[in-house]
N, C-alpha and C. Protein backbone atom coordinates (compact mmCIF):
# COMPACT_ATOMS: atom_id res chain seq x y z
N MET A 1 2.25 48.22 5.17
CA MET A 1 3.05 47.02 5.23
C MET A 1 3.13 46.43 3.83
N SER A 2 4.33 46.12 3.38
CA SER A 2 4.51 45.52 2.06
C SER A 2 5.59 44.46 2.13
N ASP A 3 5.64 43.66 1.07
CA ASP A 3 6.62 42.58 0.96
C ASP A 3 7.45 42.88 -0.29
N PRO A 4 8.74 43.18 -0.15
CA PRO A 4 9.55 43.54 -1.32
C PRO A 4 9.69 42.44 -2.36
N SER A 5 9.39 41.20 -2.00
CA SER A 5 9.46 40.11 -2.98
C SER A 5 8.12 39.87 -3.69
N CYS A 6 7.08 40.61 -3.30
CA CYS A 6 5.73 40.43 -3.87
C CYS A 6 5.55 41.33 -5.09
N ILE A 7 5.15 40.74 -6.20
CA ILE A 7 4.97 41.50 -7.44
C ILE A 7 3.87 42.54 -7.29
N PHE A 8 2.79 42.24 -6.55
CA PHE A 8 1.72 43.21 -6.38
C PHE A 8 2.16 44.37 -5.48
N CYS A 9 2.95 44.10 -4.47
CA CYS A 9 3.50 45.18 -3.64
C CYS A 9 4.40 46.08 -4.49
N ARG A 10 5.11 45.49 -5.41
CA ARG A 10 5.99 46.27 -6.28
C ARG A 10 5.17 47.10 -7.27
N ILE A 11 4.02 46.61 -7.69
CA ILE A 11 3.11 47.39 -8.53
C ILE A 11 2.54 48.55 -7.71
N VAL A 12 2.10 48.27 -6.49
CA VAL A 12 1.57 49.30 -5.61
C VAL A 12 2.59 50.42 -5.41
N SER A 13 3.84 50.07 -5.21
CA SER A 13 4.89 51.08 -4.96
C SER A 13 5.30 51.83 -6.22
N GLY A 14 4.89 51.34 -7.39
CA GLY A 14 5.27 51.98 -8.65
C GLY A 14 6.56 51.45 -9.23
N GLU A 15 7.16 50.50 -8.57
CA GLU A 15 8.41 49.90 -9.05
C GLU A 15 8.19 49.12 -10.35
N ILE A 16 7.04 48.49 -10.46
CA ILE A 16 6.67 47.74 -11.67
C ILE A 16 5.45 48.44 -12.28
N PRO A 17 5.49 48.76 -13.57
CA PRO A 17 4.33 49.43 -14.18
C PRO A 17 3.16 48.46 -14.36
N ALA A 18 1.98 49.03 -14.34
CA ALA A 18 0.75 48.26 -14.58
C ALA A 18 -0.24 49.19 -15.27
N LYS A 19 -1.15 48.59 -16.01
CA LYS A 19 -2.21 49.36 -16.67
C LYS A 19 -3.35 49.54 -15.66
N LYS A 20 -3.20 50.56 -14.83
CA LYS A 20 -4.16 50.82 -13.76
C LYS A 20 -5.49 51.31 -14.32
N ILE A 21 -6.56 50.86 -13.69
CA ILE A 21 -7.89 51.31 -14.06
C ILE A 21 -8.57 52.00 -12.89
N TYR A 22 -8.06 51.76 -11.67
CA TYR A 22 -8.62 52.39 -10.47
C TYR A 22 -7.55 52.42 -9.38
N GLU A 23 -7.58 53.49 -8.59
CA GLU A 23 -6.69 53.56 -7.44
C GLU A 23 -7.25 54.55 -6.43
N ASP A 24 -7.20 54.17 -5.16
CA ASP A 24 -7.51 55.08 -4.06
C ASP A 24 -6.50 54.81 -2.95
N GLU A 25 -6.76 55.28 -1.74
CA GLU A 25 -5.79 55.13 -0.67
C GLU A 25 -5.63 53.69 -0.18
N GLN A 26 -6.62 52.82 -0.44
CA GLN A 26 -6.58 51.43 0.05
C GLN A 26 -6.44 50.37 -1.04
N ILE A 27 -6.90 50.68 -2.24
CA ILE A 27 -7.08 49.67 -3.29
C ILE A 27 -6.44 50.14 -4.59
N ILE A 28 -5.96 49.16 -5.35
CA ILE A 28 -5.51 49.42 -6.72
C ILE A 28 -6.12 48.33 -7.60
N ALA A 29 -6.51 48.71 -8.79
CA ALA A 29 -7.05 47.75 -9.76
C ALA A 29 -6.34 47.97 -11.09
N PHE A 30 -5.97 46.86 -11.72
CA PHE A 30 -5.22 46.95 -12.97
C PHE A 30 -5.53 45.75 -13.85
N HIS A 31 -5.27 45.90 -15.13
CA HIS A 31 -5.52 44.83 -16.10
C HIS A 31 -4.50 43.71 -15.92
N ASP A 32 -5.00 42.47 -15.97
CA ASP A 32 -4.14 41.28 -15.86
C ASP A 32 -3.27 41.18 -17.11
N LEU A 33 -2.01 40.82 -16.92
CA LEU A 33 -1.08 40.66 -18.06
C LEU A 33 -1.39 39.42 -18.89
N GLU A 34 -2.06 38.44 -18.30
CA GLU A 34 -2.44 37.22 -19.01
C GLU A 34 -3.94 37.01 -18.87
N PRO A 35 -4.74 37.84 -19.57
CA PRO A 35 -6.19 37.81 -19.38
C PRO A 35 -6.81 36.47 -19.77
N GLN A 36 -7.78 36.07 -18.94
CA GLN A 36 -8.52 34.83 -19.16
C GLN A 36 -9.92 35.11 -19.71
N ALA A 37 -10.21 36.38 -19.97
CA ALA A 37 -11.48 36.82 -20.54
C ALA A 37 -11.22 38.17 -21.20
N PRO A 38 -12.12 38.62 -22.09
CA PRO A 38 -11.92 39.93 -22.71
C PRO A 38 -11.72 41.06 -21.69
N LEU A 39 -12.42 40.96 -20.56
CA LEU A 39 -12.18 41.88 -19.45
C LEU A 39 -11.62 41.06 -18.30
N HIS A 40 -10.41 41.37 -17.87
CA HIS A 40 -9.78 40.67 -16.74
C HIS A 40 -8.99 41.70 -15.96
N ILE A 41 -9.57 42.13 -14.85
CA ILE A 41 -8.98 43.15 -13.99
C ILE A 41 -8.69 42.52 -12.63
N LEU A 42 -7.56 42.87 -12.05
CA LEU A 42 -7.20 42.42 -10.71
C LEU A 42 -7.44 43.57 -9.74
N ILE A 43 -8.14 43.27 -8.64
CA ILE A 43 -8.46 44.27 -7.62
C ILE A 43 -7.76 43.82 -6.35
N THR A 44 -6.86 44.65 -5.84
CA THR A 44 -6.04 44.22 -4.71
C THR A 44 -5.87 45.34 -3.68
N PRO A 45 -5.78 44.97 -2.41
CA PRO A 45 -5.49 46.01 -1.43
C PRO A 45 -4.03 46.44 -1.56
N LYS A 46 -3.77 47.67 -1.21
CA LYS A 46 -2.39 48.15 -1.23
C LYS A 46 -1.57 47.50 -0.13
N GLU A 47 -2.21 47.22 0.98
CA GLU A 47 -1.53 46.53 2.08
C GLU A 47 -1.30 45.07 1.71
N HIS A 48 -0.16 44.55 2.04
CA HIS A 48 0.13 43.15 1.75
C HIS A 48 -0.64 42.23 2.71
N ILE A 49 -1.61 41.52 2.14
CA ILE A 49 -2.37 40.49 2.86
C ILE A 49 -2.20 39.24 2.00
N PRO A 50 -1.61 38.17 2.51
CA PRO A 50 -1.31 37.02 1.66
C PRO A 50 -2.51 36.35 1.00
N ASP A 51 -3.62 36.21 1.73
CA ASP A 51 -4.79 35.52 1.19
C ASP A 51 -5.98 35.77 2.11
N LEU A 52 -7.15 35.25 1.74
CA LEU A 52 -8.36 35.48 2.53
C LEU A 52 -8.24 35.05 3.99
N PRO A 53 -7.65 33.89 4.31
CA PRO A 53 -7.56 33.51 5.72
C PRO A 53 -6.73 34.48 6.58
N HIS A 54 -5.92 35.33 5.94
CA HIS A 54 -5.12 36.30 6.68
C HIS A 54 -5.84 37.64 6.90
N VAL A 55 -7.06 37.77 6.38
CA VAL A 55 -7.82 39.01 6.59
C VAL A 55 -8.24 39.09 8.05
N LYS A 56 -7.99 40.24 8.65
CA LYS A 56 -8.37 40.46 10.05
C LYS A 56 -9.79 41.03 10.11
N VAL A 57 -10.45 40.83 11.22
CA VAL A 57 -11.82 41.32 11.40
C VAL A 57 -11.91 42.81 11.07
N GLU A 58 -10.92 43.57 11.49
CA GLU A 58 -10.96 45.01 11.23
C GLU A 58 -10.76 45.36 9.74
N GLN A 59 -10.46 44.38 8.92
CA GLN A 59 -10.29 44.61 7.48
C GLN A 59 -11.51 44.17 6.66
N GLU A 60 -12.57 43.74 7.34
CA GLU A 60 -13.73 43.23 6.60
C GLU A 60 -14.36 44.30 5.70
N GLU A 61 -14.33 45.55 6.13
CA GLU A 61 -14.86 46.64 5.31
C GLU A 61 -14.07 46.77 4.00
N LEU A 62 -12.77 46.52 4.07
CA LEU A 62 -11.92 46.56 2.89
C LEU A 62 -12.39 45.55 1.84
N LEU A 63 -12.76 44.35 2.28
CA LEU A 63 -13.24 43.32 1.34
C LEU A 63 -14.50 43.78 0.64
N GLY A 64 -15.42 44.36 1.40
CA GLY A 64 -16.65 44.88 0.79
C GLY A 64 -16.36 45.98 -0.21
N LYS A 65 -15.42 46.84 0.12
CA LYS A 65 -15.04 47.92 -0.79
C LYS A 65 -14.44 47.36 -2.07
N MET A 66 -13.60 46.32 -1.93
CA MET A 66 -13.01 45.70 -3.12
C MET A 66 -14.09 45.14 -4.04
N LEU A 67 -15.10 44.51 -3.47
CA LEU A 67 -16.20 43.96 -4.28
C LEU A 67 -16.99 45.07 -4.96
N LEU A 68 -17.27 46.14 -4.23
CA LEU A 68 -17.99 47.27 -4.83
C LEU A 68 -17.19 47.91 -5.96
N VAL A 69 -15.90 48.07 -5.76
CA VAL A 69 -15.04 48.62 -6.82
C VAL A 69 -15.12 47.71 -8.05
N GLY A 70 -15.02 46.40 -7.84
CA GLY A 70 -15.12 45.46 -8.95
C GLY A 70 -16.42 45.58 -9.70
N SER A 71 -17.52 45.66 -8.97
CA SER A 71 -18.83 45.79 -9.59
C SER A 71 -18.94 47.08 -10.40
N ARG A 72 -18.45 48.17 -9.84
CA ARG A 72 -18.52 49.45 -10.55
C ARG A 72 -17.62 49.46 -11.78
N LEU A 73 -16.46 48.82 -11.69
CA LEU A 73 -15.59 48.73 -12.86
C LEU A 73 -16.25 47.92 -13.96
N ALA A 74 -16.87 46.81 -13.60
CA ALA A 74 -17.56 45.97 -14.59
C ALA A 74 -18.68 46.74 -15.26
N GLU A 75 -19.49 47.42 -14.47
CA GLU A 75 -20.59 48.20 -15.03
C GLU A 75 -20.04 49.30 -15.94
N GLY A 76 -18.95 49.94 -15.52
CA GLY A 76 -18.34 50.99 -16.32
C GLY A 76 -17.78 50.49 -17.65
N GLU A 77 -17.36 49.23 -17.66
CA GLU A 77 -16.84 48.62 -18.89
C GLU A 77 -17.97 48.12 -19.79
N GLY A 78 -19.20 48.11 -19.27
CA GLY A 78 -20.36 47.75 -20.08
C GLY A 78 -20.53 46.26 -20.34
N VAL A 79 -19.91 45.41 -19.54
CA VAL A 79 -20.10 43.98 -19.75
C VAL A 79 -21.49 43.58 -19.28
N LYS A 80 -22.08 42.59 -19.96
CA LYS A 80 -23.45 42.17 -19.64
C LYS A 80 -23.51 41.33 -18.37
N GLY A 81 -22.46 40.62 -18.09
CA GLY A 81 -22.37 39.81 -16.88
C GLY A 81 -20.90 39.64 -16.55
N TYR A 82 -20.62 39.27 -15.34
CA TYR A 82 -19.22 39.16 -14.93
C TYR A 82 -19.11 38.25 -13.72
N ARG A 83 -17.89 37.92 -13.40
CA ARG A 83 -17.57 37.09 -12.25
C ARG A 83 -16.46 37.78 -11.47
N ILE A 84 -16.59 37.77 -10.13
CA ILE A 84 -15.53 38.25 -9.25
C ILE A 84 -15.15 37.07 -8.37
N VAL A 85 -13.88 36.72 -8.39
CA VAL A 85 -13.43 35.52 -7.68
C VAL A 85 -12.08 35.76 -7.02
N ALA A 86 -11.88 35.10 -5.88
CA ALA A 86 -10.58 35.12 -5.20
C ALA A 86 -10.08 33.69 -5.10
N ASN A 87 -8.99 33.40 -5.76
CA ASN A 87 -8.35 32.09 -5.61
C ASN A 87 -7.59 32.13 -4.28
N THR A 88 -7.71 31.07 -3.50
CA THR A 88 -7.10 31.08 -2.17
C THR A 88 -6.19 29.87 -1.98
N ARG A 89 -4.93 30.17 -1.75
CA ARG A 89 -3.86 29.20 -1.55
C ARG A 89 -3.63 28.38 -2.83
N SER A 90 -2.54 27.65 -2.86
CA SER A 90 -2.12 26.93 -4.06
C SER A 90 -3.19 25.99 -4.60
N GLN A 91 -3.81 25.22 -3.72
CA GLN A 91 -4.81 24.26 -4.19
C GLN A 91 -6.05 24.95 -4.73
N GLY A 92 -6.27 26.19 -4.33
CA GLY A 92 -7.38 26.98 -4.84
C GLY A 92 -7.03 27.76 -6.09
N GLY A 93 -5.80 27.60 -6.58
CA GLY A 93 -5.39 28.26 -7.81
C GLY A 93 -4.66 29.58 -7.62
N GLN A 94 -4.37 29.97 -6.39
CA GLN A 94 -3.67 31.23 -6.14
C GLN A 94 -2.21 31.08 -6.55
N THR A 95 -1.72 32.01 -7.36
CA THR A 95 -0.33 31.98 -7.80
C THR A 95 0.46 33.20 -7.31
N VAL A 96 -0.23 34.30 -7.02
CA VAL A 96 0.41 35.46 -6.41
C VAL A 96 -0.16 35.57 -5.00
N PHE A 97 0.70 35.48 -4.01
CA PHE A 97 0.24 35.41 -2.63
C PHE A 97 0.15 36.79 -2.00
N HIS A 98 -0.70 37.57 -2.63
CA HIS A 98 -1.14 38.89 -2.18
C HIS A 98 -2.62 38.90 -2.53
N LEU A 99 -3.49 39.00 -1.53
CA LEU A 99 -4.93 38.93 -1.76
C LEU A 99 -5.35 39.77 -2.95
N HIS A 100 -6.17 39.19 -3.82
CA HIS A 100 -6.72 39.93 -4.94
C HIS A 100 -7.96 39.22 -5.46
N PHE A 101 -8.85 40.02 -6.05
CA PHE A 101 -10.03 39.50 -6.73
C PHE A 101 -9.78 39.62 -8.22
N HIS A 102 -10.22 38.61 -8.95
CA HIS A 102 -10.23 38.65 -10.41
C HIS A 102 -11.62 39.10 -10.84
N LEU A 103 -11.69 40.13 -11.65
CA LEU A 103 -12.93 40.56 -12.29
C LEU A 103 -12.85 40.06 -13.73
N LEU A 104 -13.75 39.15 -14.09
CA LEU A 104 -13.75 38.54 -15.42
C LEU A 104 -15.08 38.81 -16.09
N GLY A 105 -15.05 39.23 -17.35
CA GLY A 105 -16.28 39.49 -18.09
C GLY A 105 -16.01 39.59 -19.57
N GLY A 106 -17.08 39.86 -20.29
CA GLY A 106 -16.97 40.03 -21.73
C GLY A 106 -17.12 38.74 -22.53
N ARG A 107 -17.44 37.64 -21.86
CA ARG A 107 -17.72 36.37 -22.52
C ARG A 107 -18.65 35.58 -21.62
N GLN A 108 -19.23 34.52 -22.16
CA GLN A 108 -20.09 33.67 -21.35
C GLN A 108 -19.24 32.90 -20.34
N MET A 109 -19.57 33.01 -19.08
CA MET A 109 -18.88 32.25 -18.03
C MET A 109 -19.53 30.87 -17.95
N THR A 110 -18.72 29.87 -17.68
CA THR A 110 -19.25 28.51 -17.60
C THR A 110 -19.20 28.01 -16.16
N TRP A 111 -19.92 26.93 -15.91
CA TRP A 111 -19.95 26.33 -14.57
C TRP A 111 -19.87 24.83 -14.71
N PRO A 112 -19.08 24.11 -13.97
CA PRO A 112 -18.24 24.65 -12.91
C PRO A 112 -17.03 25.38 -13.49
N PRO A 113 -16.49 26.35 -12.74
CA PRO A 113 -15.41 27.18 -13.27
C PRO A 113 -14.06 26.49 -13.36
N GLY A 114 -13.80 25.49 -12.53
CA GLY A 114 -12.45 24.93 -12.51
C GLY A 114 -12.40 23.56 -13.08
């Protein structure tokens, strides 16, 4: 299932190029075009899911897999520490309404983040 108006669905389909770092049958990960840290990778399911509240119980394994992929990518990039975050809905900072995790690393993260 995809949404032809969604930029991430268009990346998944190959219509829009992206600097991919990981891909399997369920997930794609690529470098953010406007990085907020030296390492900024987006990890997204290939299936169009608008945000976390739209995740179905049968998709919970997918979320775990996305987190594991993010962790392995961070370790592979050799960053000393990192953050994996999902912005949810407009008030939570989500600007692309296709579920994705931001993997951020390569600099000191601060708290609070927003």
